[in-house]
Amino acid sequence: MTVLRCAVFFASLPLLAQQYTFEVASVKPSNPPSDKRNWSSFDTAGNGLRATNVSAMQLIRLALNAQDYQISGGPGWLRDDRFDVTTRNDVTEADIPRSDRKGQQAQVARMQSRVRHLLEERFGLVIREQMKELPAWVLTVDKGGLKLKASESTKGNIRAESGKAGASLRAEGISIDNLCEHLAGVLERPVVDETGLDGVYDFELKYALETSATGKEGGDENLGPSLFTAVRETLGLRLTAKKASVKSWVIESIRKPTEN
């Protein structure tokens, strides 16, 4: 079973006028056991970033708040080679309550700026931004009515699990933006929020992986419904296919990281 734990969400934000940096950054090749080759973790709690067994592509995705389909170019090692990264921020970050959404977003943007600077300094990353027309999904409230219930939690936690028996998503105190980001990762397409909902929610979603990206209404009866059916029946939301102009990036150059 593959388990992903994530306690921080990266909302789409304009680039900050000021560039933030890590005061100290260690980047070393990772050498995980063979049974954990595809396992990785990110920890942004505290005053820095600790990433274990991560690829350069994962770091780029973190810095840009992007999915793989938004990034093109680069050598093969970009996704294959793994690194351990330990950093300390240039300034101490104050604790910001989850209820302060603007403060949380600004803090996330500062982290993204630091990671991008790390990639530029240590990996020599040069990227070009462009807009690209891509197939997408629009998330709306279903005609049957919303089934989500408002959360009293300020944790903002999400836990995703997948295996032969299907997949599940357990969320506590997350926004619709957070949900769209997760769905975009599963579907490998942008998910545009047109629900008009501005709150945080708790829910549990179970679905069959085999039909998640197809848009089919039903999944394997032994594994559960498709993601689309589960979103409609469990959350009272609907995913509809459309084209959307999406921000994307082209990697023009990158090198393996310099020695510490």
C-alpha atoms as a PDB file:
ATOM      1  CA  MET A   1       0.000   0.000   0.000  1.00  0.00           C
ATOM      2  CA  THR A   2       1.197   3.504  -0.812  1.00  0.00           C
ATOM      3  CA  VAL A   3       0.512   6.120   1.853  1.00  0.00           C
ATOM      4  CA  LEU A   4       0.936   9.853   1.425  1.00  0.00           C
ATOM      5  CA  ARG A   5       0.709  12.148   4.418  1.00  0.00           C
ATOM      6  CA  CYS A   6       0.553  15.875   3.870  1.00  0.00           C
ATOM      7  CA  ALA A   7      -0.081  18.580   6.450  1.00  0.00           C
ATOM      8  CA  VAL A   8       0.665  21.644   4.321  1.00  0.00           C
ATOM      9  CA  PHE A   9      -1.135  22.784   1.186  1.00  0.00           C
ATOM     10  CA  PHE A  10       0.397  24.959  -1.512  1.00  0.00           C
ATOM     11  CA  ALA A  11      -2.111  27.442  -2.880  1.00  0.00           C
ATOM     12  CA  SER A  12      -1.513  29.179  -6.214  1.00  0.00           C
ATOM     13  CA  LEU A  13      -0.093  32.614  -5.505  1.00  0.00           C
ATOM     14  CA  PRO A  14       1.568  35.389  -7.526  1.00  0.00           C
ATOM     15  CA  LEU A  15       5.356  35.490  -7.275  1.00  0.00           C
ATOM     16  CA  LEU A  16       6.565  37.473  -4.277  1.00  0.00           C
ATOM     17  CA  ALA A  17       8.323  40.754  -4.928  1.00  0.00           C
ATOM     18  CA  GLN A  18      11.049  39.726  -2.457  1.00  0.00           C
ATOM     19  CA  GLN A  19      13.028  36.538  -2.940  1.00  0.00           C
ATOM     20  CA  TYR A  20      13.423  34.458   0.200  1.00  0.00           C
ATOM     21  CA  THR A  21      16.317  32.080   0.797  1.00  0.00           C
ATOM     22  CA  PHE A  22      17.434  29.320   3.141  1.00  0.00           C
ATOM     23  CA  GLU A  23      20.237  30.371   5.484  1.00  0.00           C
ATOM     24  CA  VAL A  24      21.664  26.845   5.433  1.00  0.00           C
ATOM     25  CA  ALA A  25      20.918  24.095   2.915  1.00  0.00           C
ATOM     26  CA  SER A  26      22.321  20.570   2.713  1.00  0.00           C
ATOM     27  CA  VAL A  27      21.625  18.504  -0.428  1.00  0.00           C
ATOM     28  CA  LYS A  28      22.948  14.936  -0.486  1.00  0.00           C
ATOM     29  CA  PRO A  29      22.282  11.887  -2.687  1.00  0.00           C
ATOM     30  CA  SER A  30      19.799   9.553  -1.013  1.00  0.00           C
ATOM     31  CA  ASN A  31      20.475   5.847  -0.696  1.00  0.00           C
ATOM     32  CA  PRO A  32      17.207   4.256   0.461  1.00  0.00           C
ATOM     33  CA  PRO A  33      16.617   0.511   0.901  1.00  0.00           C
ATOM     34  CA  SER A  34      15.264  -1.125  -2.250  1.00  0.00           C
ATOM     35  CA  ASP A  35      11.837  -1.620  -0.667  1.00  0.00           C
ATOM     36  CA  LYS A  36      11.572   2.139  -0.031  1.00  0.00           C
ATOM     37  CA  ARG A  37      12.947   3.344  -3.372  1.00  0.00           C
ATOM     38  CA  ASN A  38       9.695   5.103  -4.296  1.00  0.00           C
ATOM     39  CA  TRP A  39       8.967   6.438  -0.813  1.00  0.00           C
ATOM     40  CA  SER A  40       9.571  10.100  -0.040  1.00  0.00           C
ATOM     41  CA  SER A  41       8.602  12.664   2.566  1.00  0.00           C
ATOM     42  CA  PHE A  42       8.452  16.430   2.992  1.00  0.00           C
ATOM     43  CA  ASP A  43       8.339  18.219   6.346  1.00  0.00           C
ATOM     44  CA  THR A  44       7.878  21.997   6.367  1.00  0.00           C
ATOM     45  CA  ALA A  45       6.990  22.237  10.046  1.00  0.00           C
ATOM     46  CA  GLY A  46       9.347  24.401  12.081  1.00  0.00           C
ATOM     47  CA  ASN A  47      11.936  26.737  10.661  1.00  0.00           C
ATOM     48  CA  GLY A  48      12.963  25.039   7.425  1.00  0.00           C
ATOM     49  CA  LEU A  49      12.441  22.155   5.034  1.00  0.00           C
ATOM     50  CA  ARG A  50      13.372  18.520   5.555  1.00  0.00           C
ATOM     51  CA  ALA A  51      12.885  16.314   2.497  1.00  0.00           C
ATOM     52  CA  THR A  52      13.886  12.648   2.350  1.00  0.00           C
ATOM     53  CA  ASN A  53      14.438  10.559  -0.786  1.00  0.00           C
ATOM     54  CA  VAL A  54      12.943  13.201  -3.094  1.00  0.00           C
ATOM     55  CA  SER A  55      13.594  13.817  -6.773  1.00  0.00           C
ATOM     56  CA  ALA A  56      14.532  17.158  -8.282  1.00  0.00           C
ATOM     57  CA  MET A  57      11.171  17.080 -10.065  1.00  0.00           C
ATOM     58  CA  GLN A  58       9.379  16.834  -6.724  1.00  0.00           C
ATOM     59  CA  LEU A  59      11.305  19.883  -5.500  1.00  0.00           C
ATOM     60  CA  ILE A  60      10.399  21.779  -8.681  1.00  0.00           C
ATOM     61  CA  ARG A  61       6.746  20.856  -8.243  1.00  0.00           C
ATOM     62  CA  LEU A  62       6.915  22.115  -4.653  1.00  0.00           C
ATOM     63  CA  ALA A  63       8.552  25.397  -5.674  1.00  0.00           C
ATOM     64  CA  LEU A  64       6.043  26.065  -8.459  1.00  0.00           C
ATOM     65  CA  ASN A  65       2.920  24.492  -6.904  1.00  0.00           C
ATOM     66  CA  ALA A  66       2.662  22.467 -10.106  1.00  0.00           C
ATOM     67  CA  GLN A  67       1.756  18.989 -11.292  1.00  0.00           C
ATOM     68  CA  ASP A  68       3.929  16.888 -13.618  1.00  0.00           C
ATOM     69  CA  TYR A  69       1.751  17.676 -16.632  1.00  0.00           C
ATOM     70  CA  GLN A  70       2.542  21.384 -16.191  1.00  0.00           C
ATOM     71  CA  ILE A  71       6.314  20.838 -16.436  1.00  0.00           C
ATOM     72  CA  SER A  72       8.189  19.727 -19.547  1.00  0.00           C
ATOM     73  CA  GLY A  73      11.835  19.256 -20.527  1.00  0.00           C
ATOM     74  CA  GLY A  74      14.814  18.224 -18.437  1.00  0.00           C
ATOM     75  CA  PRO A  75      17.072  15.120 -18.326  1.00  0.00           C
ATOM     76  CA  GLY A  76      16.010  11.659 -17.191  1.00  0.00           C
ATOM     77  CA  TRP A  77      17.762  11.879 -13.805  1.00  0.00           C
ATOM     78  CA  LEU A  78      15.369  14.709 -12.906  1.00  0.00           C
ATOM     79  CA  ARG A  79      12.776  12.105 -11.894  1.00  0.00           C
ATOM     80  CA  ASP A  80      15.039   9.126 -11.163  1.00  0.00           C
ATOM     81  CA  ASP A  81      17.817  10.408  -8.880  1.00  0.00           C
ATOM     82  CA  ARG A  82      16.890  10.900  -5.227  1.00  0.00           C
ATOM     83  CA  PHE A  83      18.167  13.402  -2.651  1.00  0.00           C
ATOM     84  CA  ASP A  84      17.949  14.231   1.050  1.00  0.00           C
ATOM     85  CA  VAL A  85      17.526  17.958   1.708  1.00  0.00           C
ATOM     86  CA  THR A  86      17.853  19.703   5.078  1.00  0.00           C
ATOM     87  CA  THR A  87      17.520  23.474   5.375  1.00  0.00           C
ATOM     88  CA  ARG A  88      17.108  26.349   7.823  1.00  0.00           C
ATOM     89  CA  ASN A  89      15.245  29.539   6.926  1.00  0.00           C
ATOM     90  CA  ASP A  90      16.976  32.907   6.614  1.00  0.00           C
ATOM     91  CA  VAL A  91      14.545  34.368   9.164  1.00  0.00           C
ATOM     92  CA  THR A  92      12.484  32.716  11.891  1.00  0.00           C
ATOM     93  CA  GLU A  93       8.907  32.039  10.784  1.00  0.00           C
ATOM     94  CA  ALA A  94       6.225  32.711  13.382  1.00  0.00           C
ATOM     95  CA  ASP A  95       3.490  30.151  13.987  1.00  0.00           C
ATOM     96  CA  ILE A  96       0.371  31.152  12.049  1.00  0.00           C
ATOM     97  CA  PRO A  97      -3.029  29.649  12.977  1.00  0.00           C
ATOM     98  CA  ARG A  98      -4.867  27.717  10.250  1.00  0.00           C
ATOM     99  CA  SER A  99      -7.764  30.148  10.662  1.00  0.00           C
ATOM    100  CA  ASP A 100      -5.540  32.922   9.230  1.00  0.00           C
ATOM    101  CA  ARG A 101      -5.756  31.786   5.598  1.00  0.00           C
ATOM    102  CA  LYS A 102      -3.993  34.829   4.146  1.00  0.00           C
ATOM    103  CA  GLY A 103      -1.166  34.460   6.634  1.00  0.00           C
ATOM    104  CA  GLN A 104      -0.891  30.754   5.833  1.00  0.00           C
ATOM    105  CA  GLN A 105      -0.799  31.457   2.093  1.00  0.00           C
ATOM    106  CA  ALA A 106       1.898  34.107   2.519  1.00  0.00           C
ATOM    107  CA  GLN A 107       3.997  31.690   4.593  1.00  0.00           C
ATOM    108  CA  VAL A 108       3.629  28.984   1.944  1.00  0.00           C
ATOM    109  CA  ALA A 109       4.654  31.469  -0.756  1.00  0.00           C
ATOM    110  CA  ARG A 110       7.819  32.292   1.205  1.00  0.00           C
ATOM    111  CA  MET A 111       8.650  28.572   1.413  1.00  0.00           C
ATOM    112  CA  GLN A 112       8.119  28.221  -2.338  1.00  0.00           C
ATOM    113  CA  SER A 113      10.430  31.173  -2.942  1.00  0.00           C
ATOM    114  CA  ARG A 114      13.136  29.569  -0.786  1.00  0.00           C
ATOM    115  CA  VAL A 115      12.864  26.218  -2.575  1.00  0.00           C
ATOM    116  CA  ARG A 116      13.034  27.908  -5.979  1.00  0.00           C
ATOM    117  CA  HIS A 117      16.147  29.808  -4.922  1.00  0.00           C
ATOM    118  CA  LEU A 118      17.673  26.519  -3.703  1.00  0.00           C
ATOM    119  CA  LEU A 119      16.989  24.921  -7.092  1.00  0.00           C
ATOM    120  CA  GLU A 120      18.534  27.876  -8.914  1.00  0.00           C
ATOM    121  CA  GLU A 121      21.626  27.983  -6.705  1.00  0.00           C
ATOM    122  CA  ARG A 122      22.354  24.281  -6.213  1.00  0.00           C
ATOM    123  CA  PHE A 123      20.817  22.704  -9.320  1.00  0.00           C
ATOM    124  CA  GLY A 124      21.328  25.593 -11.759  1.00  0.00           C
ATOM    125  CA  LEU A 125      17.635  25.494 -12.643  1.00  0.00           C
ATOM    126  CA  VAL A 126      16.507  27.754 -15.480  1.00  0.00           C
ATOM    127  CA  ILE A 127      12.802  27.600 -16.381  1.00  0.00           C
ATOM    128  CA  ARG A 128      10.471  29.438 -18.720  1.00  0.00           C
ATOM    129  CA  GLU A 129       6.841  30.103 -17.874  1.00  0.00           C
ATOM    130  CA  GLN A 130       4.043  29.884 -20.449  1.00  0.00           C
ATOM    131  CA  MET A 131       0.281  29.445 -20.698  1.00  0.00           C
ATOM    132  CA  LYS A 132      -0.928  26.213 -22.266  1.00  0.00           C
ATOM    133  CA  GLU A 133      -4.378  24.997 -23.311  1.00  0.00           C
ATOM    134  CA  LEU A 134      -4.963  21.656 -21.582  1.00  0.00           C
ATOM    135  CA  PRO A 135      -7.841  19.246 -20.956  1.00  0.00           C
ATOM    136  CA  ALA A 136      -9.227  19.996 -17.496  1.00  0.00           C
ATOM    137  CA  TRP A 137     -12.042  19.199 -15.079  1.00  0.00           C
ATOM    138  CA  VAL A 138     -14.412  21.765 -13.572  1.00  0.00           C
ATOM    139  CA  LEU A 139     -15.654  21.124 -10.036  1.00  0.00           C
ATOM    140  CA  THR A 140     -19.202  22.345  -9.304  1.00  0.00           C
ATOM    141  CA  VAL A 141     -21.935  21.621  -6.773  1.00  0.00           C
ATOM    142  CA  ASP A 142     -24.052  18.723  -8.067  1.00  0.00           C
ATOM    143  CA  LYS A 143     -27.715  19.289  -8.865  1.00  0.00           C
ATOM    144  CA  GLY A 144     -28.581  16.866  -6.044  1.00  0.00           C
ATOM    145  CA  GLY A 145     -27.120  19.323  -3.527  1.00  0.00           C
ATOM    146  CA  LEU A 146     -23.982  19.645  -1.450  1.00  0.00           C
ATOM    147  CA  LYS A 147     -23.233  16.778   0.952  1.00  0.00           C
ATOM    148  CA  LEU A 148     -20.108  18.241   2.508  1.00  0.00           C
ATOM    149  CA  LYS A 149     -20.334  19.370   6.132  1.00  0.00           C
ATOM    150  CA  ALA A 150     -18.405  22.324   7.492  1.00  0.00           C
ATOM    151  CA  SER A 151     -15.470  21.447   9.746  1.00  0.00           C
ATOM    152  CA  GLU A 152     -14.617  22.925  13.103  1.00  0.00           C
ATOM    153  CA  SER A 153     -11.029  21.739  12.742  1.00  0.00           C
ATOM    154  CA  THR A 154      -8.149  24.074  11.925  1.00  0.00           C
ATOM    155  CA  LYS A 155      -5.679  21.230  11.281  1.00  0.00           C
ATOM    156  CA  GLY A 156      -5.853  21.168   7.497  1.00  0.00           C
ATOM    157  CA  ASN A 157      -4.737  17.529   7.247  1.00  0.00           C
ATOM    158  CA  ILE A 158      -5.199  15.179   4.322  1.00  0.00           C
ATOM    159  CA  ARG A 159      -4.275  11.494   4.123  1.00  0.00           C
ATOM    160  CA  ALA A 160      -4.378   9.516   0.881  1.00  0.00           C
ATOM    161  CA  GLU A 161      -3.987   5.747   0.634  1.00  0.00           C
ATOM    162  CA  SER A 162      -3.986   3.439  -2.364  1.00  0.00           C
ATOM    163  CA  GLY A 163      -3.597  -0.276  -2.928  1.00  0.00           C
ATOM    164  CA  LYS A 164      -5.077  -3.262  -4.727  1.00  0.00           C
ATOM    165  CA  ALA A 165      -8.381  -2.756  -2.936  1.00  0.00           C
ATOM    166  CA  GLY A 166      -8.776   0.799  -4.257  1.00  0.00           C
ATOM    167  CA  ALA A 167      -8.008   4.251  -2.880  1.00  0.00           C
ATOM    168  CA  SER A 168      -9.246   6.534  -0.145  1.00  0.00           C
ATOM    169  CA  LEU A 169      -8.903  10.147   0.878  1.00  0.00           C
ATOM    170  CA  ARG A 170      -9.474  11.307   4.447  1.00  0.00           C
ATOM    171  CA  ALA A 171      -9.553  15.041   5.012  1.00  0.00           C
ATOM    172  CA  GLU A 172      -9.889  17.188   8.106  1.00  0.00           C
ATOM    173  CA  GLY A 173     -10.404  20.922   7.865  1.00  0.00           C
ATOM    174  CA  ILE A 174      -9.417  21.398   4.216  1.00  0.00           C
ATOM    175  CA  SER A 175     -10.680  23.929   1.684  1.00  0.00           C
ATOM    176  CA  ILE A 176     -12.086  23.248  -1.783  1.00  0.00           C
ATOM    177  CA  ASP A 177      -8.816  24.623  -3.205  1.00  0.00           C
ATOM    178  CA  ASN A 178      -6.977  21.890  -1.280  1.00  0.00           C
ATOM    179  CA  LEU A 179      -9.394  19.272  -2.648  1.00  0.00           C
ATOM    180  CA  CYS A 180      -8.888  20.521  -6.218  1.00  0.00           C
ATOM    181  CA  GLU A 181      -5.105  20.252  -5.825  1.00  0.00           C
ATOM    182  CA  HIS A 182      -5.386  16.650  -4.690  1.00  0.00           C
ATOM    183  CA  LEU A 183      -7.865  15.707  -7.421  1.00  0.00           C
ATOM    184  CA  ALA A 184      -5.582  17.288 -10.026  1.00  0.00           C
ATOM    185  CA  GLY A 185      -2.753  15.055  -8.842  1.00  0.00           C
ATOM    186  CA  VAL A 186      -4.885  11.910  -9.068  1.00  0.00           C
ATOM    187  CA  LEU A 187      -6.463  12.785 -12.424  1.00  0.00           C
ATOM    188  CA  GLU A 188      -3.285  14.269 -13.934  1.00  0.00           C
ATOM    189  CA  ARG A 189      -5.308  17.197 -15.207  1.00  0.00           C
ATOM    190  CA  PRO A 190      -6.086  20.664 -13.840  1.00  0.00           C
ATOM    191  CA  VAL A 191      -9.195  20.858 -11.651  1.00  0.00           C
ATOM    192  CA  VAL A 192     -10.902  24.269 -11.705  1.00  0.00           C
ATOM    193  CA  ASP A 193     -13.013  25.255  -8.689  1.00  0.00           C
ATOM    194  CA  GLU A 194     -16.384  26.705  -9.698  1.00  0.00           C
ATOM    195  CA  THR A 195     -18.261  25.651  -6.550  1.00  0.00           C
ATOM    196  CA  GLY A 196     -18.347  29.090  -4.952  1.00  0.00           C
ATOM    197  CA  LEU A 197     -17.646  27.413  -1.588  1.00  0.00           C
ATOM    198  CA  ASP A 198     -15.414  29.260   0.855  1.00  0.00           C
ATOM    199  CA  GLY A 199     -14.969  27.126   3.942  1.00  0.00           C
ATOM    200  CA  VAL A 200     -13.137  24.099   5.335  1.00  0.00           C
ATOM    201  CA  TYR A 201     -14.557  20.584   5.445  1.00  0.00           C
ATOM    202  CA  ASP A 202     -14.102  17.058   6.807  1.00  0.00           C
ATOM    203  CA  PHE A 203     -14.814  14.033   4.627  1.00  0.00           C
ATOM    204  CA  GLU A 204     -13.775  10.539   3.615  1.00  0.00           C
ATOM    205  CA  LEU A 205     -13.765   9.508  -0.035  1.00  0.00           C
ATOM    206  CA  LYS A 206     -13.328   5.924  -1.288  1.00  0.00           C
ATOM    207  CA  TYR A 207     -12.978   5.015  -4.963  1.00  0.00           C
ATOM    208  CA  ALA A 208     -11.508   2.575  -7.488  1.00  0.00           C
ATOM    209  CA  LEU A 209      -8.152   3.594  -8.965  1.00  0.00           C
ATOM    210  CA  GLU A 210      -8.649   1.776 -12.276  1.00  0.00           C
ATOM    211  CA  THR A 211     -11.346   4.180 -13.461  1.00  0.00           C
ATOM    212  CA  SER A 212     -10.257   7.383 -11.743  1.00  0.00           C
ATOM    213  CA  ALA A 213      -8.836   9.187 -14.781  1.00  0.00           C
ATOM    214  CA  THR A 214     -11.378   7.973 -17.351  1.00  0.00           C
ATOM    215  CA  GLY A 215     -14.470   9.885 -16.338  1.00  0.00           C
ATOM    216  CA  LYS A 216     -16.555   6.711 -16.283  1.00  0.00           C
ATOM    217  CA  GLU A 217     -19.572   6.818 -14.020  1.00  0.00           C
ATOM    218  CA  GLY A 218     -19.000   3.407 -12.441  1.00  0.00           C
ATOM    219  CA  GLY A 219     -15.950   1.636 -11.063  1.00  0.00           C
ATOM    220  CA  ASP A 220     -15.179  -2.012 -10.486  1.00  0.00           C
ATOM    221  CA  GLU A 221     -17.925  -3.275  -8.190  1.00  0.00           C
ATOM    222  CA  ASN A 222     -15.292  -5.040  -6.081  1.00  0.00           C
ATOM    223  CA  LEU A 223     -13.164  -1.919  -5.653  1.00  0.00           C
ATOM    224  CA  GLY A 224     -15.835   0.752  -5.326  1.00  0.00           C
ATOM    225  CA  PRO A 225     -17.113   3.539  -7.569  1.00  0.00           C
ATOM    226  CA  SER A 226     -14.964   5.644  -9.864  1.00  0.00           C
ATOM    227  CA  LEU A 227     -13.547   8.839  -8.406  1.00  0.00           C
ATOM    228  CA  PHE A 228     -16.148  10.820 -10.357  1.00  0.00           C
ATOM    229  CA  THR A 229     -19.041   8.840  -8.920  1.00  0.00           C
ATOM    230  CA  ALA A 230     -17.580   8.995  -5.403  1.00  0.00           C
ATOM    231  CA  VAL A 231     -17.156  12.776  -5.614  1.00  0.00           C
ATOM    232  CA  ARG A 232     -20.797  13.143  -6.675  1.00  0.00           C
ATOM    233  CA  GLU A 233     -22.375  10.629  -4.304  1.00  0.00           C
ATOM    234  CA  THR A 234     -20.215  11.300  -1.221  1.00  0.00           C
ATOM    235  CA  LEU A 235     -19.462  15.018  -1.492  1.00  0.00           C
ATOM    236  CA  GLY A 236     -22.357  16.309  -3.580  1.00  0.00           C
ATOM    237  CA  LEU A 237     -19.909  17.729  -6.152  1.00  0.00           C
ATOM    238  CA  ARG A 238     -19.513  17.075  -9.865  1.00  0.00           C
ATOM    239  CA  LEU A 239     -16.495  16.933 -12.194  1.00  0.00           C
ATOM    240  CA  THR A 240     -17.130  18.022 -15.791  1.00  0.00           C
ATOM    241  CA  ALA A 241     -14.582  17.887 -18.623  1.00  0.00           C
ATOM    242  CA  LYS A 242     -13.500  21.113 -20.364  1.00  0.00           C
ATOM    243  CA  LYS A 243     -10.474  22.896 -21.832  1.00  0.00           C
ATOM    244  CA  ALA A 244      -8.599  25.429 -19.721  1.00  0.00           C
ATOM    245  CA  SER A 245      -5.651  27.759 -20.145  1.00  0.00           C
ATOM    246  CA  VAL A 246      -3.146  26.542 -17.551  1.00  0.00           C
ATOM    247  CA  LYS A 247       0.141  28.001 -16.362  1.00  0.00           C
ATOM    248  CA  SER A 248       3.008  25.669 -17.282  1.00  0.00           C
ATOM    249  CA  TRP A 249       6.799  25.670 -17.344  1.00  0.00           C
ATOM    250  CA  VAL A 250       9.597  24.473 -19.637  1.00  0.00           C
ATOM    251  CA  ILE A 251      12.896  23.417 -18.044  1.00  0.00           C
ATOM    252  CA  GLU A 252      15.618  25.009 -20.153  1.00  0.00           C
ATOM    253  CA  SER A 253      18.574  23.781 -18.101  1.00  0.00           C
ATOM    254  CA  ILE A 254      19.362  21.967 -14.858  1.00  0.00           C
ATOM    255  CA  ARG A 255      22.427  20.154 -13.473  1.00  0.00           C
ATOM    256  CA  LYS A 256      23.042  17.687 -10.691  1.00  0.00           C
ATOM    257  CA  PRO A 257      23.461  19.548  -7.379  1.00  0.00           C
ATOM    258  CA  THR A 258      26.758  21.023  -6.299  1.00  0.00           C
ATOM    259  CA  GLU A 259      28.614  19.568  -3.324  1.00  0.00           C
ATOM    260  CA  ASN A 260      27.681  20.871   0.132  1.00  0.00           C
END
